[in-house]
Amino acid sequence: MDTAALADRVEGALRVNRVFGEPVTVDGVTVIPVSHVGGGAGGGSGRELPAGGEKTTGRPAGEGAGGGLGWTGHPCGVVVLRDGQVRWLPALDVNRLVSAAALVLVVGALTVRSIARPRS
């Protein structure tokens, strides 16, 4: 895959509709989901070694590298449109909340241990 094709795939993958979802309207209330999206891409190249550079497989030897792309996303919240008013409702990131609680518990346990340890 050439660089232009890879760039086209990245552009297609990171479109605005990956950040702002399709609006949903029910009973006069419109909800637009919003997410945080990030991604990246990389490319590579290759070359064939000069004649006589065969490896032990008996095939002509070459060197090369590949490429690829990837992205990730997580929900941020929703925009709610009701009666001409716009309201932002953030999403609760449970994974981040659990990680923070675990970190606080570990730091607290280490602090208590260092204070309670008898001095020798």
C-alpha atoms as a PDB file:
ATOM      1  CA  MET A   1       0.000   0.000   0.000  1.00  0.00           C
ATOM      2  CA  ASP A   2       1.397   3.360  -0.962  1.00  0.00           C
ATOM      3  CA  THR A   3       1.490   6.423   1.248  1.00  0.00           C
ATOM      4  CA  ALA A   4      -1.450   8.154  -0.475  1.00  0.00           C
ATOM      5  CA  ALA A   5      -3.710   5.132   0.025  1.00  0.00           C
ATOM      6  CA  LEU A   6      -2.673   4.919   3.676  1.00  0.00           C
ATOM      7  CA  ALA A   7      -3.407   8.627   4.169  1.00  0.00           C
ATOM      8  CA  ASP A   8      -6.851   8.131   2.593  1.00  0.00           C
ATOM      9  CA  ARG A   9      -7.594   5.286   5.013  1.00  0.00           C
ATOM     10  CA  VAL A  10      -6.522   7.420   7.983  1.00  0.00           C
ATOM     11  CA  GLU A  11      -8.710  10.296   6.818  1.00  0.00           C
ATOM     12  CA  GLY A  12     -11.662   7.941   6.414  1.00  0.00           C
ATOM     13  CA  ALA A  13     -11.107   6.408   9.832  1.00  0.00           C
ATOM     14  CA  LEU A  14     -10.861   9.707  11.695  1.00  0.00           C
ATOM     15  CA  ARG A  15     -13.876  11.501  10.234  1.00  0.00           C
ATOM     16  CA  VAL A  16     -15.932  13.890  12.328  1.00  0.00           C
ATOM     17  CA  ASN A  17     -18.768  11.356  12.622  1.00  0.00           C
ATOM     18  CA  ARG A  18     -16.406   9.231  14.703  1.00  0.00           C
ATOM     19  CA  VAL A  19     -16.416  12.085  17.258  1.00  0.00           C
ATOM     20  CA  PHE A  20     -20.013  13.264  16.942  1.00  0.00           C
ATOM     21  CA  GLY A  21     -22.440  10.381  16.578  1.00  0.00           C
ATOM     22  CA  GLU A  22     -25.721  10.460  14.727  1.00  0.00           C
ATOM     23  CA  PRO A  23     -28.283  12.672  16.499  1.00  0.00           C
ATOM     24  CA  VAL A  24     -31.250  10.836  18.021  1.00  0.00           C
ATOM     25  CA  THR A  25     -34.540  12.711  18.453  1.00  0.00           C
ATOM     26  CA  VAL A  26     -37.330  11.396  20.702  1.00  0.00           C
ATOM     27  CA  ASP A  27     -40.293  13.432  21.987  1.00  0.00           C
ATOM     28  CA  GLY A  28     -38.730  16.734  20.916  1.00  0.00           C
ATOM     29  CA  VAL A  29     -35.409  16.056  22.656  1.00  0.00           C
ATOM     30  CA  THR A  30     -32.305  15.637  20.489  1.00  0.00           C
ATOM     31  CA  VAL A  31     -29.277  13.804  21.880  1.00  0.00           C
ATOM     32  CA  ILE A  32     -25.889  13.950  20.110  1.00  0.00           C
ATOM     33  CA  PRO A  33     -23.258  11.517  21.432  1.00  0.00           C
ATOM     34  CA  VAL A  34     -19.682  12.861  21.623  1.00  0.00           C
ATOM     35  CA  SER A  35     -16.485  10.839  21.924  1.00  0.00           C
ATOM     36  CA  HIS A  36     -12.742  11.426  22.062  1.00  0.00           C
ATOM     37  CA  VAL A  37     -10.959   9.828  19.107  1.00  0.00           C
ATOM     38  CA  GLY A  38      -7.245   9.501  18.500  1.00  0.00           C
ATOM     39  CA  GLY A  39      -5.231   7.589  15.995  1.00  0.00           C
ATOM     40  CA  GLY A  40      -2.042   7.215  14.101  1.00  0.00           C
ATOM     41  CA  ALA A  41      -0.482   5.655  11.076  1.00  0.00           C
ATOM     42  CA  GLY A  42       2.896   4.536   9.901  1.00  0.00           C
ATOM     43  CA  GLY A  43       4.450   3.419   6.675  1.00  0.00           C
ATOM     44  CA  GLY A  44       7.389   1.411   5.542  1.00  0.00           C
ATOM     45  CA  SER A  45       9.562   0.466   2.647  1.00  0.00           C
ATOM     46  CA  GLY A  46      11.638  -2.378   1.334  1.00  0.00           C
ATOM     47  CA  ARG A  47      14.478  -3.283  -0.958  1.00  0.00           C
ATOM     48  CA  GLU A  48      15.914  -6.346  -2.585  1.00  0.00           C
ATOM     49  CA  LEU A  49      19.495  -7.246  -1.736  1.00  0.00           C
ATOM     50  CA  PRO A  50      22.057  -7.464  -4.577  1.00  0.00           C
ATOM     51  CA  ALA A  51      22.597 -10.769  -6.376  1.00  0.00           C
ATOM     52  CA  GLY A  52      24.398 -13.350  -4.301  1.00  0.00           C
ATOM     53  CA  GLY A  53      22.741 -12.108  -1.123  1.00  0.00           C
ATOM     54  CA  GLU A  54      20.423 -15.121  -0.793  1.00  0.00           C
ATOM     55  CA  LYS A  55      19.620 -16.270   2.681  1.00  0.00           C
ATOM     56  CA  THR A  56      19.654 -19.896   3.759  1.00  0.00           C
ATOM     57  CA  THR A  57      16.141 -20.404   2.320  1.00  0.00           C
ATOM     58  CA  GLY A  58      17.473 -20.256  -1.234  1.00  0.00           C
ATOM     59  CA  ARG A  59      15.131 -17.420  -2.152  1.00  0.00           C
ATOM     60  CA  PRO A  60      16.352 -13.949  -3.128  1.00  0.00           C
ATOM     61  CA  ALA A  61      16.880 -11.966   0.039  1.00  0.00           C
ATOM     62  CA  GLY A  62      15.373  -8.621   0.783  1.00  0.00           C
ATOM     63  CA  GLU A  63      14.751  -6.251   3.594  1.00  0.00           C
ATOM     64  CA  GLY A  64      11.561  -4.441   4.309  1.00  0.00           C
ATOM     65  CA  ALA A  65       9.169  -2.989   6.751  1.00  0.00           C
ATOM     66  CA  GLY A  66       5.418  -2.679   6.842  1.00  0.00           C
ATOM     67  CA  GLY A  67       2.903  -0.124   7.872  1.00  0.00           C
ATOM     68  CA  GLY A  68      -0.475   0.208   9.419  1.00  0.00           C
ATOM     69  CA  LEU A  69      -2.944   2.384  11.164  1.00  0.00           C
ATOM     70  CA  GLY A  70      -5.007   2.301  14.284  1.00  0.00           C
ATOM     71  CA  TRP A  71      -7.317   4.416  16.343  1.00  0.00           C
ATOM     72  CA  THR A  72      -9.091   4.404  19.625  1.00  0.00           C
ATOM     73  CA  GLY A  73     -11.983   6.258  21.137  1.00  0.00           C
ATOM     74  CA  HIS A  74     -13.993   6.574  24.304  1.00  0.00           C
ATOM     75  CA  PRO A  75     -17.245   8.350  25.092  1.00  0.00           C
ATOM     76  CA  CYS A  76     -17.061  11.874  26.523  1.00  0.00           C
ATOM     77  CA  GLY A  77     -20.752  12.595  26.955  1.00  0.00           C
ATOM     78  CA  VAL A  78     -23.799  13.850  25.086  1.00  0.00           C
ATOM     79  CA  VAL A  79     -25.148  17.185  23.928  1.00  0.00           C
ATOM     80  CA  VAL A  80     -28.867  17.456  24.749  1.00  0.00           C
ATOM     81  CA  LEU A  81     -31.073  19.906  22.816  1.00  0.00           C
ATOM     82  CA  ARG A  82     -34.465  20.539  24.446  1.00  0.00           C
ATOM     83  CA  ASP A  83     -36.808  23.497  24.078  1.00  0.00           C
ATOM     84  CA  GLY A  84     -34.129  25.699  22.498  1.00  0.00           C
ATOM     85  CA  GLN A  85     -31.694  24.968  25.351  1.00  0.00           C
ATOM     86  CA  VAL A  86     -28.352  23.176  24.918  1.00  0.00           C
ATOM     87  CA  ARG A  87     -26.976  21.101  27.778  1.00  0.00           C
ATOM     88  CA  TRP A  88     -23.757  19.082  28.088  1.00  0.00           C
ATOM     89  CA  LEU A  89     -23.909  15.827  30.065  1.00  0.00           C
ATOM     90  CA  PRO A  90     -20.478  14.256  30.605  1.00  0.00           C
ATOM     91  CA  ALA A  91     -20.072  10.477  30.498  1.00  0.00           C
ATOM     92  CA  LEU A  92     -18.769   8.609  33.515  1.00  0.00           C
ATOM     93  CA  ASP A  93     -15.565   6.769  32.609  1.00  0.00           C
ATOM     94  CA  VAL A  94     -15.762   3.761  34.946  1.00  0.00           C
ATOM     95  CA  ASN A  95     -12.305   2.445  33.992  1.00  0.00           C
ATOM     96  CA  ARG A  96     -10.668   5.754  34.913  1.00  0.00           C
ATOM     97  CA  LEU A  97     -12.669   5.917  38.142  1.00  0.00           C
ATOM     98  CA  VAL A  98     -11.640   2.383  39.183  1.00  0.00           C
ATOM     99  CA  SER A  99      -7.987   3.078  38.314  1.00  0.00           C
ATOM    100  CA  ALA A 100      -7.979   6.270  40.398  1.00  0.00           C
ATOM    101  CA  ALA A 101      -9.604   4.502  43.360  1.00  0.00           C
ATOM    102  CA  ALA A 102      -7.047   1.680  43.174  1.00  0.00           C
ATOM    103  CA  LEU A 103      -4.189   4.187  43.088  1.00  0.00           C
ATOM    104  CA  VAL A 104      -5.558   6.014  46.140  1.00  0.00           C
ATOM    105  CA  LEU A 105      -5.923   2.713  48.028  1.00  0.00           C
ATOM    106  CA  VAL A 106      -2.369   1.607  47.232  1.00  0.00           C
ATOM    107  CA  VAL A 107      -0.870   4.975  48.225  1.00  0.00           C
ATOM    108  CA  GLY A 108      -2.978   4.990  51.409  1.00  0.00           C
ATOM    109  CA  ALA A 109      -1.889   1.458  52.332  1.00  0.00           C
ATOM    110  CA  LEU A 110       1.791   2.286  51.767  1.00  0.00           C
ATOM    111  CA  THR A 111       1.455   5.468  53.856  1.00  0.00           C
ATOM    112  CA  VAL A 112      -0.218   3.651  56.743  1.00  0.00           C
ATOM    113  CA  ARG A 113       2.428   0.908  56.588  1.00  0.00           C
ATOM    114  CA  SER A 114       5.295   3.406  56.725  1.00  0.00           C
ATOM    115  CA  ILE A 115       3.716   5.283  59.667  1.00  0.00           C
ATOM    116  CA  ALA A 116       2.768   2.139  61.623  1.00  0.00           C
ATOM    117  CA  ARG A 117       6.120   0.381  61.116  1.00  0.00           C
ATOM    118  CA  PRO A 118       7.983   0.237  64.437  1.00  0.00           C
ATOM    119  CA  ARG A 119      11.243   2.147  64.481  1.00  0.00           C
ATOM    120  CA  SER A 120      14.223  -0.141  65.046  1.00  0.00           C
END
